[in-house]
Amino acid sequence: MKKLITTTIIFCTLLACNKNECVNSEKARIENNQIDGCGYTIRLNNGDQIEPVNLADFDIQPKHNKKVWVSYHINQNLSASICMVGDIVVIDCISER
């Protein structure tokens, strides 16, 4: 019985460590783009880069190479930016991973 309880506690702890709060999100990391005027961009796990317009709206401390979960949609109002490194997006949800 004691072994079962210990195993259950370990299993639940491991599940909690990889908790993803964002629905339909993908793995990514925040990058501090050194080009003047760009600030932070997000590199998706597939290698694509996106430019968020609302990263400051979320309770997350941007840091270079911080691993995150992110869900987003393309911003239909903006088609070009100073950075020009990827799609301009509106973040729907972002959380640390």
C-alpha atoms as a PDB file:
ATOM      1  CA  MET A   1       0.000   0.000   0.000  1.00  0.00           C
ATOM      2  CA  LYS A   2       2.829   2.365   0.886  1.00  0.00           C
ATOM      3  CA  LYS A   3       4.483   1.662  -2.484  1.00  0.00           C
ATOM      4  CA  LEU A   4       1.234   2.463  -4.322  1.00  0.00           C
ATOM      5  CA  ILE A   5       0.868   5.795  -2.541  1.00  0.00           C
ATOM      6  CA  THR A   6       4.502   6.723  -3.274  1.00  0.00           C
ATOM      7  CA  THR A   7       4.115   5.790  -6.945  1.00  0.00           C
ATOM      8  CA  THR A   8       0.905   7.826  -7.208  1.00  0.00           C
ATOM      9  CA  ILE A   9       2.545  10.907  -5.658  1.00  0.00           C
ATOM     10  CA  ILE A  10       5.532  10.683  -8.008  1.00  0.00           C
ATOM     11  CA  PHE A  11       3.260  10.234 -11.039  1.00  0.00           C
ATOM     12  CA  CYS A  12       1.101  13.244 -10.115  1.00  0.00           C
ATOM     13  CA  THR A  13       4.193  15.395  -9.507  1.00  0.00           C
ATOM     14  CA  LEU A  14       5.601  14.526 -12.927  1.00  0.00           C
ATOM     15  CA  LEU A  15       2.315  15.397 -14.622  1.00  0.00           C
ATOM     16  CA  ALA A  16       2.147  18.751 -12.865  1.00  0.00           C
ATOM     17  CA  CYS A  17       5.642  19.726 -14.056  1.00  0.00           C
ATOM     18  CA  ASN A  18       4.632  19.702 -17.727  1.00  0.00           C
ATOM     19  CA  LYS A  19       1.285  21.436 -17.263  1.00  0.00           C
ATOM     20  CA  ASN A  20       0.145  23.328 -20.338  1.00  0.00           C
ATOM     21  CA  GLU A  21      -2.416  26.031 -19.622  1.00  0.00           C
ATOM     22  CA  CYS A  22      -2.896  27.005 -23.295  1.00  0.00           C
ATOM     23  CA  VAL A  23      -5.388  25.119 -25.455  1.00  0.00           C
ATOM     24  CA  ASN A  24      -4.228  24.220 -28.997  1.00  0.00           C
ATOM     25  CA  SER A  25      -0.769  25.609 -28.320  1.00  0.00           C
ATOM     26  CA  GLU A  26       2.628  24.706 -29.635  1.00  0.00           C
ATOM     27  CA  LYS A  27       6.089  24.549 -28.153  1.00  0.00           C
ATOM     28  CA  ALA A  28       8.208  27.650 -28.674  1.00  0.00           C
ATOM     29  CA  ARG A  29      10.874  29.825 -27.109  1.00  0.00           C
ATOM     30  CA  ILE A  30      11.185  33.559 -26.660  1.00  0.00           C
ATOM     31  CA  GLU A  31      14.077  35.227 -28.464  1.00  0.00           C
ATOM     32  CA  ASN A  32      15.563  38.632 -27.799  1.00  0.00           C
ATOM     33  CA  ASN A  33      16.006  39.790 -31.375  1.00  0.00           C
ATOM     34  CA  GLN A  34      19.064  42.053 -31.352  1.00  0.00           C
ATOM     35  CA  ILE A  35      18.024  44.041 -34.452  1.00  0.00           C
ATOM     36  CA  ASP A  36      17.184  47.624 -33.464  1.00  0.00           C
ATOM     37  CA  GLY A  37      13.494  48.209 -32.891  1.00  0.00           C
ATOM     38  CA  CYS A  38      12.472  44.549 -32.803  1.00  0.00           C
ATOM     39  CA  GLY A  39      12.535  43.489 -29.172  1.00  0.00           C
ATOM     40  CA  TYR A  40      11.215  39.998 -28.416  1.00  0.00           C
ATOM     41  CA  THR A  41      10.086  37.525 -31.052  1.00  0.00           C
ATOM     42  CA  ILE A  42       8.982  33.913 -30.651  1.00  0.00           C
ATOM     43  CA  ARG A  43      10.670  30.954 -32.350  1.00  0.00           C
ATOM     44  CA  LEU A  44       8.273  28.052 -32.891  1.00  0.00           C
ATOM     45  CA  ASN A  45       9.460  24.466 -32.493  1.00  0.00           C
ATOM     46  CA  ASN A  46       9.308  23.987 -36.289  1.00  0.00           C
ATOM     47  CA  GLY A  47      11.834  26.837 -36.757  1.00  0.00           C
ATOM     48  CA  ASP A  48       9.388  29.528 -37.880  1.00  0.00           C
ATOM     49  CA  GLN A  49       9.599  32.897 -36.171  1.00  0.00           C
ATOM     50  CA  ILE A  50       6.613  35.084 -35.251  1.00  0.00           C
ATOM     51  CA  GLU A  51       6.349  38.694 -34.105  1.00  0.00           C
ATOM     52  CA  PRO A  52       3.822  39.159 -31.290  1.00  0.00           C
ATOM     53  CA  VAL A  53       2.139  42.557 -30.950  1.00  0.00           C
ATOM     54  CA  ASN A  54       0.757  41.909 -27.455  1.00  0.00           C
ATOM     55  CA  LEU A  55       3.418  39.997 -25.482  1.00  0.00           C
ATOM     56  CA  ALA A  56       3.355  42.671 -22.763  1.00  0.00           C
ATOM     57  CA  ASP A  57      -0.347  41.925 -22.121  1.00  0.00           C
ATOM     58  CA  PHE A  58       0.559  38.618 -20.453  1.00  0.00           C
ATOM     59  CA  ASP A  59       1.963  37.902 -17.012  1.00  0.00           C
ATOM     60  CA  ILE A  60       5.184  36.385 -18.314  1.00  0.00           C
ATOM     61  CA  GLN A  61       8.687  37.765 -17.954  1.00  0.00           C
ATOM     62  CA  PRO A  62      10.291  37.680 -21.423  1.00  0.00           C
ATOM     63  CA  LYS A  63      13.792  36.257 -21.341  1.00  0.00           C
ATOM     64  CA  HIS A  64      16.003  35.042 -24.186  1.00  0.00           C
ATOM     65  CA  ASN A  65      15.523  31.300 -24.826  1.00  0.00           C
ATOM     66  CA  LYS A  66      12.675  30.971 -22.290  1.00  0.00           C
ATOM     67  CA  LYS A  67      10.637  27.889 -23.232  1.00  0.00           C
ATOM     68  CA  VAL A  68       6.915  28.543 -23.594  1.00  0.00           C
ATOM     69  CA  TRP A  69       3.624  27.174 -24.839  1.00  0.00           C
ATOM     70  CA  VAL A  70       1.935  29.616 -27.228  1.00  0.00           C
ATOM     71  CA  SER A  71      -1.309  29.858 -29.162  1.00  0.00           C
ATOM     72  CA  TYR A  72      -1.863  32.764 -31.528  1.00  0.00           C
ATOM     73  CA  HIS A  73      -3.585  34.044 -34.649  1.00  0.00           C
ATOM     74  CA  ILE A  74      -2.312  36.146 -37.551  1.00  0.00           C
ATOM     75  CA  ASN A  75      -2.909  39.874 -37.099  1.00  0.00           C
ATOM     76  CA  GLN A  76      -5.051  40.862 -40.107  1.00  0.00           C
ATOM     77  CA  ASN A  77      -4.510  44.597 -39.500  1.00  0.00           C
ATOM     78  CA  LEU A  78      -0.714  44.637 -39.937  1.00  0.00           C
ATOM     79  CA  SER A  79       1.119  43.217 -42.899  1.00  0.00           C
ATOM     80  CA  ALA A  80       4.645  44.583 -42.388  1.00  0.00           C
ATOM     81  CA  SER A  81       6.937  45.464 -39.518  1.00  0.00           C
ATOM     82  CA  ILE A  82      10.392  46.845 -38.827  1.00  0.00           C
ATOM     83  CA  CYS A  83      11.739  43.372 -38.054  1.00  0.00           C
ATOM     84  CA  MET A  84      10.333  41.434 -41.013  1.00  0.00           C
ATOM     85  CA  VAL A  85      11.378  38.098 -39.467  1.00  0.00           C
ATOM     86  CA  GLY A  86       8.005  36.360 -39.500  1.00  0.00           C
ATOM     87  CA  ASP A  87       4.246  36.660 -39.340  1.00  0.00           C
ATOM     88  CA  ILE A  88       2.851  39.440 -37.169  1.00  0.00           C
ATOM     89  CA  VAL A  89       0.588  37.734 -34.639  1.00  0.00           C
ATOM     90  CA  VAL A  90      -1.738  38.326 -31.720  1.00  0.00           C
ATOM     91  CA  ILE A  91      -1.006  35.941 -28.844  1.00  0.00           C
ATOM     92  CA  ASP A  92      -4.129  34.234 -27.494  1.00  0.00           C
ATOM     93  CA  CYS A  93      -2.324  32.403 -24.701  1.00  0.00           C
ATOM     94  CA  ILE A  94       1.273  31.995 -23.523  1.00  0.00           C
ATOM     95  CA  SER A  95       2.641  30.066 -20.547  1.00  0.00           C
ATOM     96  CA  GLU A  96       5.992  28.780 -19.368  1.00  0.00           C
ATOM     97  CA  ARG A  97       6.902  25.165 -19.980  1.00  0.00           C
END
